[in-house]
Amino acid sequence: RLKAPDEALGLYVHIPFCETKCPYCDFNTYAQIESLIPDYIGALQRELELWGSLLQTPRTSTIFFGGGTPSYLPVDDIKRVISTINDTFEIDSAAEISLEANPGDIDAWRARSLKDLGFNRVSVGVQSFDDGLLQMLGRKHDANTAIAAISSFRDGGFDSINLDLMFGLPNQTLQQWEASLDKALELDTDHVSLYGLTIEPNTPLEAFVER
């Protein structure tokens, strides 16, 4: 057993599953392997239990489910992981518990279910409110789906909603970028993360740009 940390930890939980792999993505994520989800969740629970024991039930002030697409998991699997964290870590009463979400995964029921599991912040991968750019990025959602997802989270009781937007996309105009920013402000989300596109080696997007 290790000495329990003096400071509260930040816990990152990686969910490597996606419905489809975006052509610009080089993260450790995979599509079309849903059959592995139950085994992965079981292994994740065992690793959480191991670290909780080794670190003597450490205190954590932030929990972040990233990926991949955490919102793509069945709610029952997310519940299993959250339950294990509750059993093996001491969670601060004011802890920020976040989940990355794709707009197409979210409806009113799922938003409320995530809130009931203890999540108090979501980060929605909007990327753009321009449907043509979303298609170029290989995203499964359109602008209206993103708007509906943000509304579902707000109606579900989330007070902290971040949305991600990307700039520097192939053939993106300044007017398209301004329109996405205007829509983000209009939706009155609590935080907006702005990312410049990096064209990673050996991705489908790299080949597209070279062509």
Protein backbone atom coordinates (compact mmCIF):
# COMPACT_ATOMS: atom_id res chain seq x y z
CA ARG A 1 0.00 0.00 0.00
CA LEU A 2 1.13 3.50 -0.82
CA LYS A 3 0.85 6.58 1.34
CA ALA A 4 -2.46 8.32 0.83
CA PRO A 5 -1.94 11.60 -1.10
CA ASP A 6 -2.13 14.77 0.96
CA GLU A 7 -3.89 16.65 -1.85
CA ALA A 8 -7.15 15.70 -3.51
CA LEU A 9 -6.65 13.84 -6.77
CA GLY A 10 -8.15 14.47 -10.18
CA LEU A 11 -9.51 11.20 -11.60
CA TYR A 12 -9.64 10.69 -15.37
CA VAL A 13 -11.70 7.75 -16.69
CA HIS A 14 -10.98 6.85 -20.32
CA ILE A 15 -13.78 5.38 -22.42
CA PRO A 16 -12.28 4.32 -25.78
CA PHE A 17 -15.53 3.45 -27.60
CA CYS A 18 -17.11 5.48 -30.40
CA GLU A 19 -20.01 4.83 -32.75
CA THR A 20 -17.75 5.99 -35.61
CA LYS A 21 -14.14 7.17 -35.70
CA CYS A 22 -13.87 10.80 -36.81
CA PRO A 23 -11.40 11.25 -39.70
CA TYR A 24 -9.34 13.86 -37.81
CA CYS A 25 -8.99 11.81 -34.61
CA ASP A 26 -5.80 10.03 -33.57
CA PHE A 27 -6.82 9.41 -29.95
CA ASN A 28 -6.86 5.93 -28.41
CA THR A 29 -10.43 5.28 -29.53
CA TYR A 30 -12.18 2.58 -31.55
CA ALA A 31 -15.41 2.00 -33.44
CA GLN A 32 -17.32 -1.22 -34.12
CA ILE A 33 -16.02 -3.08 -31.05
CA GLU A 34 -19.10 -2.70 -28.85
CA SER A 35 -18.87 -6.40 -27.92
CA LEU A 36 -15.86 -5.51 -25.75
CA ILE A 37 -17.71 -2.95 -23.65
CA PRO A 38 -18.77 -5.34 -20.82
CA ASP A 39 -15.24 -6.75 -20.41
CA TYR A 40 -13.72 -3.27 -20.54
CA ILE A 41 -16.10 -1.98 -17.87
CA GLY A 42 -15.25 -4.95 -15.64
CA ALA A 43 -11.50 -4.34 -16.09
CA LEU A 44 -11.98 -0.65 -15.39
CA GLN A 45 -13.82 -1.44 -12.16
CA ARG A 46 -11.00 -3.76 -11.04
CA GLU A 47 -8.37 -1.11 -11.76
CA LEU A 48 -10.32 1.52 -9.82
CA GLU A 49 -10.59 -0.88 -6.89
CA LEU A 50 -6.85 -1.58 -7.07
CA TRP A 51 -5.85 2.08 -6.99
CA GLY A 52 -8.42 2.89 -4.32
CA SER A 53 -6.90 0.18 -2.13
CA LEU A 54 -3.25 1.04 -2.86
CA LEU A 55 -3.85 4.74 -2.18
CA GLN A 56 -5.99 4.04 0.90
CA THR A 57 -9.29 5.47 -0.38
CA PRO A 58 -7.85 8.72 -1.74
CA ARG A 59 -9.79 11.94 -1.87
CA THR A 60 -10.75 13.29 -5.30
CA SER A 61 -12.04 16.74 -6.20
CA THR A 62 -12.59 16.18 -9.93
CA ILE A 63 -13.77 13.19 -11.95
CA PHE A 64 -13.67 13.39 -15.73
CA PHE A 65 -15.06 10.77 -18.12
CA GLY A 66 -13.32 11.31 -21.47
CA GLY A 67 -12.60 9.32 -24.57
CA GLY A 68 -13.69 8.28 -27.03
CA THR A 69 -17.33 8.88 -26.37
CA PRO A 70 -18.43 8.30 -22.76
CA SER A 71 -22.02 9.21 -23.63
CA TYR A 72 -22.08 6.27 -26.06
CA LEU A 73 -21.94 3.79 -23.17
CA PRO A 74 -25.17 2.25 -21.88
CA VAL A 75 -26.31 4.15 -18.80
CA ASP A 76 -26.11 0.97 -16.70
CA ASP A 77 -22.39 0.64 -17.51
CA ILE A 78 -21.74 4.26 -16.53
CA LYS A 79 -23.63 3.54 -13.31
CA ARG A 80 -21.36 0.56 -12.57
CA VAL A 81 -18.24 2.69 -12.92
CA ILE A 82 -19.63 5.55 -10.82
CA SER A 83 -20.67 3.07 -8.12
CA THR A 84 -17.13 1.64 -8.01
CA ILE A 85 -15.65 5.13 -7.72
CA ASN A 86 -18.01 5.91 -4.87
CA ASP A 87 -16.92 2.73 -3.10
CA THR A 88 -13.17 3.17 -3.56
CA PHE A 89 -12.55 6.94 -3.50
CA GLU A 90 -13.55 9.69 -1.11
CA ILE A 91 -15.35 12.20 -3.32
CA ASP A 92 -15.38 15.82 -2.14
CA SER A 93 -18.86 17.17 -1.56
CA ALA A 94 -18.16 19.95 -4.09
CA ALA A 95 -16.40 17.71 -6.62
CA GLU A 96 -16.80 18.48 -10.29
CA ILE A 97 -17.95 15.30 -12.06
CA SER A 98 -17.80 15.70 -15.83
CA LEU A 99 -18.67 13.67 -18.90
CA GLU A 100 -17.89 14.25 -22.56
CA ALA A 101 -20.95 13.82 -24.75
CA ASN A 102 -21.74 13.61 -28.43
CA PRO A 103 -24.96 15.46 -29.30
CA GLY A 104 -26.49 12.48 -31.07
CA ASP A 105 -26.37 10.36 -27.91
CA ILE A 106 -28.44 12.74 -25.82
CA ASP A 107 -32.17 12.90 -25.22
CA ALA A 108 -34.17 14.06 -22.22
CA TRP A 109 -34.09 10.64 -20.52
CA ARG A 110 -30.32 10.19 -20.86
CA ALA A 111 -29.62 13.74 -19.67
CA ARG A 112 -31.72 13.19 -16.53
CA SER A 113 -30.14 9.77 -15.97
CA LEU A 114 -26.62 11.24 -16.05
CA LYS A 115 -27.64 13.95 -13.61
CA ASP A 116 -29.13 11.31 -11.28
CA LEU A 117 -25.82 9.42 -11.36
CA GLY A 118 -24.05 12.46 -9.93
CA PHE A 119 -22.65 14.20 -12.99
CA ASN A 120 -22.79 17.98 -12.60
CA ARG A 121 -20.89 19.11 -15.71
CA VAL A 122 -21.01 18.04 -19.35
CA SER A 123 -18.81 18.89 -22.30
CA VAL A 124 -20.70 18.64 -25.57
CA GLY A 125 -18.70 17.96 -28.74
CA VAL A 126 -20.52 20.34 -31.05
CA GLN A 127 -17.42 21.34 -33.13
CA SER A 128 -19.48 23.51 -35.51
CA PHE A 129 -23.02 24.70 -36.09
CA ASP A 130 -22.50 24.48 -39.85
CA ASP A 131 -23.95 21.24 -41.24
CA GLY A 132 -21.59 21.16 -44.20
CA LEU A 133 -18.52 21.42 -41.98
CA LEU A 134 -19.92 18.76 -39.66
CA GLN A 135 -20.25 16.39 -42.62
CA MET A 136 -16.67 17.15 -43.67
CA LEU A 137 -15.52 16.32 -40.13
CA GLY A 138 -17.36 13.01 -40.24
CA ARG A 139 -19.65 13.96 -37.37
CA LYS A 140 -22.91 12.03 -36.97
CA HIS A 141 -24.97 14.99 -35.73
CA ASP A 142 -26.22 18.18 -37.32
CA ALA A 143 -26.62 21.64 -35.81
CA ASN A 144 -30.23 21.09 -34.72
CA THR A 145 -29.24 17.89 -32.89
CA ALA A 146 -26.53 19.79 -31.02
CA ILE A 147 -28.97 22.52 -30.03
CA ALA A 148 -31.48 19.91 -28.81
CA ALA A 149 -28.79 18.12 -26.76
CA ILE A 150 -27.80 21.32 -24.98
CA SER A 151 -31.48 22.00 -24.26
CA SER A 152 -31.90 18.47 -22.87
CA PHE A 153 -28.96 18.93 -20.52
CA ARG A 154 -30.29 22.27 -19.31
CA ASP A 155 -33.77 20.85 -18.77
CA GLY A 156 -32.18 17.85 -17.03
CA GLY A 157 -30.74 20.08 -14.34
CA PHE A 158 -27.17 20.70 -15.50
CA ASP A 159 -25.85 24.09 -14.41
CA SER A 160 -22.42 23.66 -16.01
CA ILE A 161 -22.45 23.00 -19.75
CA ASN A 162 -19.39 23.36 -21.96
CA LEU A 163 -19.43 23.09 -25.71
CA ASP A 164 -16.46 22.47 -27.98
CA LEU A 165 -15.97 24.37 -31.23
CA MET A 166 -13.21 23.90 -33.83
CA PHE A 167 -11.64 26.51 -36.09
CA GLY A 168 -9.11 26.28 -38.89
CA LEU A 169 -11.12 23.60 -40.69
CA PRO A 170 -10.48 22.94 -44.39
CA ASN A 171 -12.38 25.53 -46.45
CA GLN A 172 -13.97 27.08 -43.34
CA THR A 173 -14.79 30.74 -43.87
CA LEU A 174 -14.59 33.50 -41.31
CA GLN A 175 -18.35 33.94 -41.67
CA GLN A 176 -18.97 30.28 -40.78
CA TRP A 177 -16.75 30.62 -37.71
CA GLU A 178 -18.51 33.81 -36.62
CA ALA A 179 -21.91 32.13 -37.06
CA SER A 180 -20.90 29.22 -34.79
CA LEU A 181 -19.62 31.64 -32.15
CA ASP A 182 -22.84 33.66 -32.35
CA LYS A 183 -24.92 30.48 -31.91
CA ALA A 184 -22.84 29.40 -28.89
CA LEU A 185 -23.44 32.79 -27.26
CA GLU A 186 -27.13 32.66 -28.13
CA LEU A 187 -27.46 29.28 -26.37
CA ASP A 188 -26.02 30.84 -23.20
CA THR A 189 -23.82 27.87 -22.32
CA ASP A 190 -21.55 28.25 -19.31
CA HIS A 191 -18.24 27.71 -21.08
CA VAL A 192 -17.00 27.42 -24.65
CA SER A 193 -13.74 25.64 -25.55
CA LEU A 194 -12.21 26.73 -28.86
CA TYR A 195 -9.80 24.35 -30.60
CA GLY A 196 -7.67 24.95 -33.64
CA LEU A 197 -7.66 21.88 -35.89
CA THR A 198 -4.41 19.92 -35.87
CA ILE A 199 -4.03 17.62 -38.86
CA GLU A 200 -2.51 14.51 -37.31
CA PRO A 201 -0.29 12.15 -39.31
CA ASN A 202 -1.82 8.98 -40.73
CA THR A 203 -5.43 10.11 -40.29
CA PRO A 204 -8.04 10.12 -43.07
CA LEU A 205 -8.23 13.92 -42.77
CA GLU A 206 -4.51 14.22 -43.59
CA ALA A 207 -5.09 12.28 -46.81
CA PHE A 208 -8.13 14.45 -47.61
CA VAL A 209 -6.17 17.69 -47.14
CA GLU A 210 -3.25 16.40 -49.23
CA ARG A 211 -5.64 15.52 -52.07
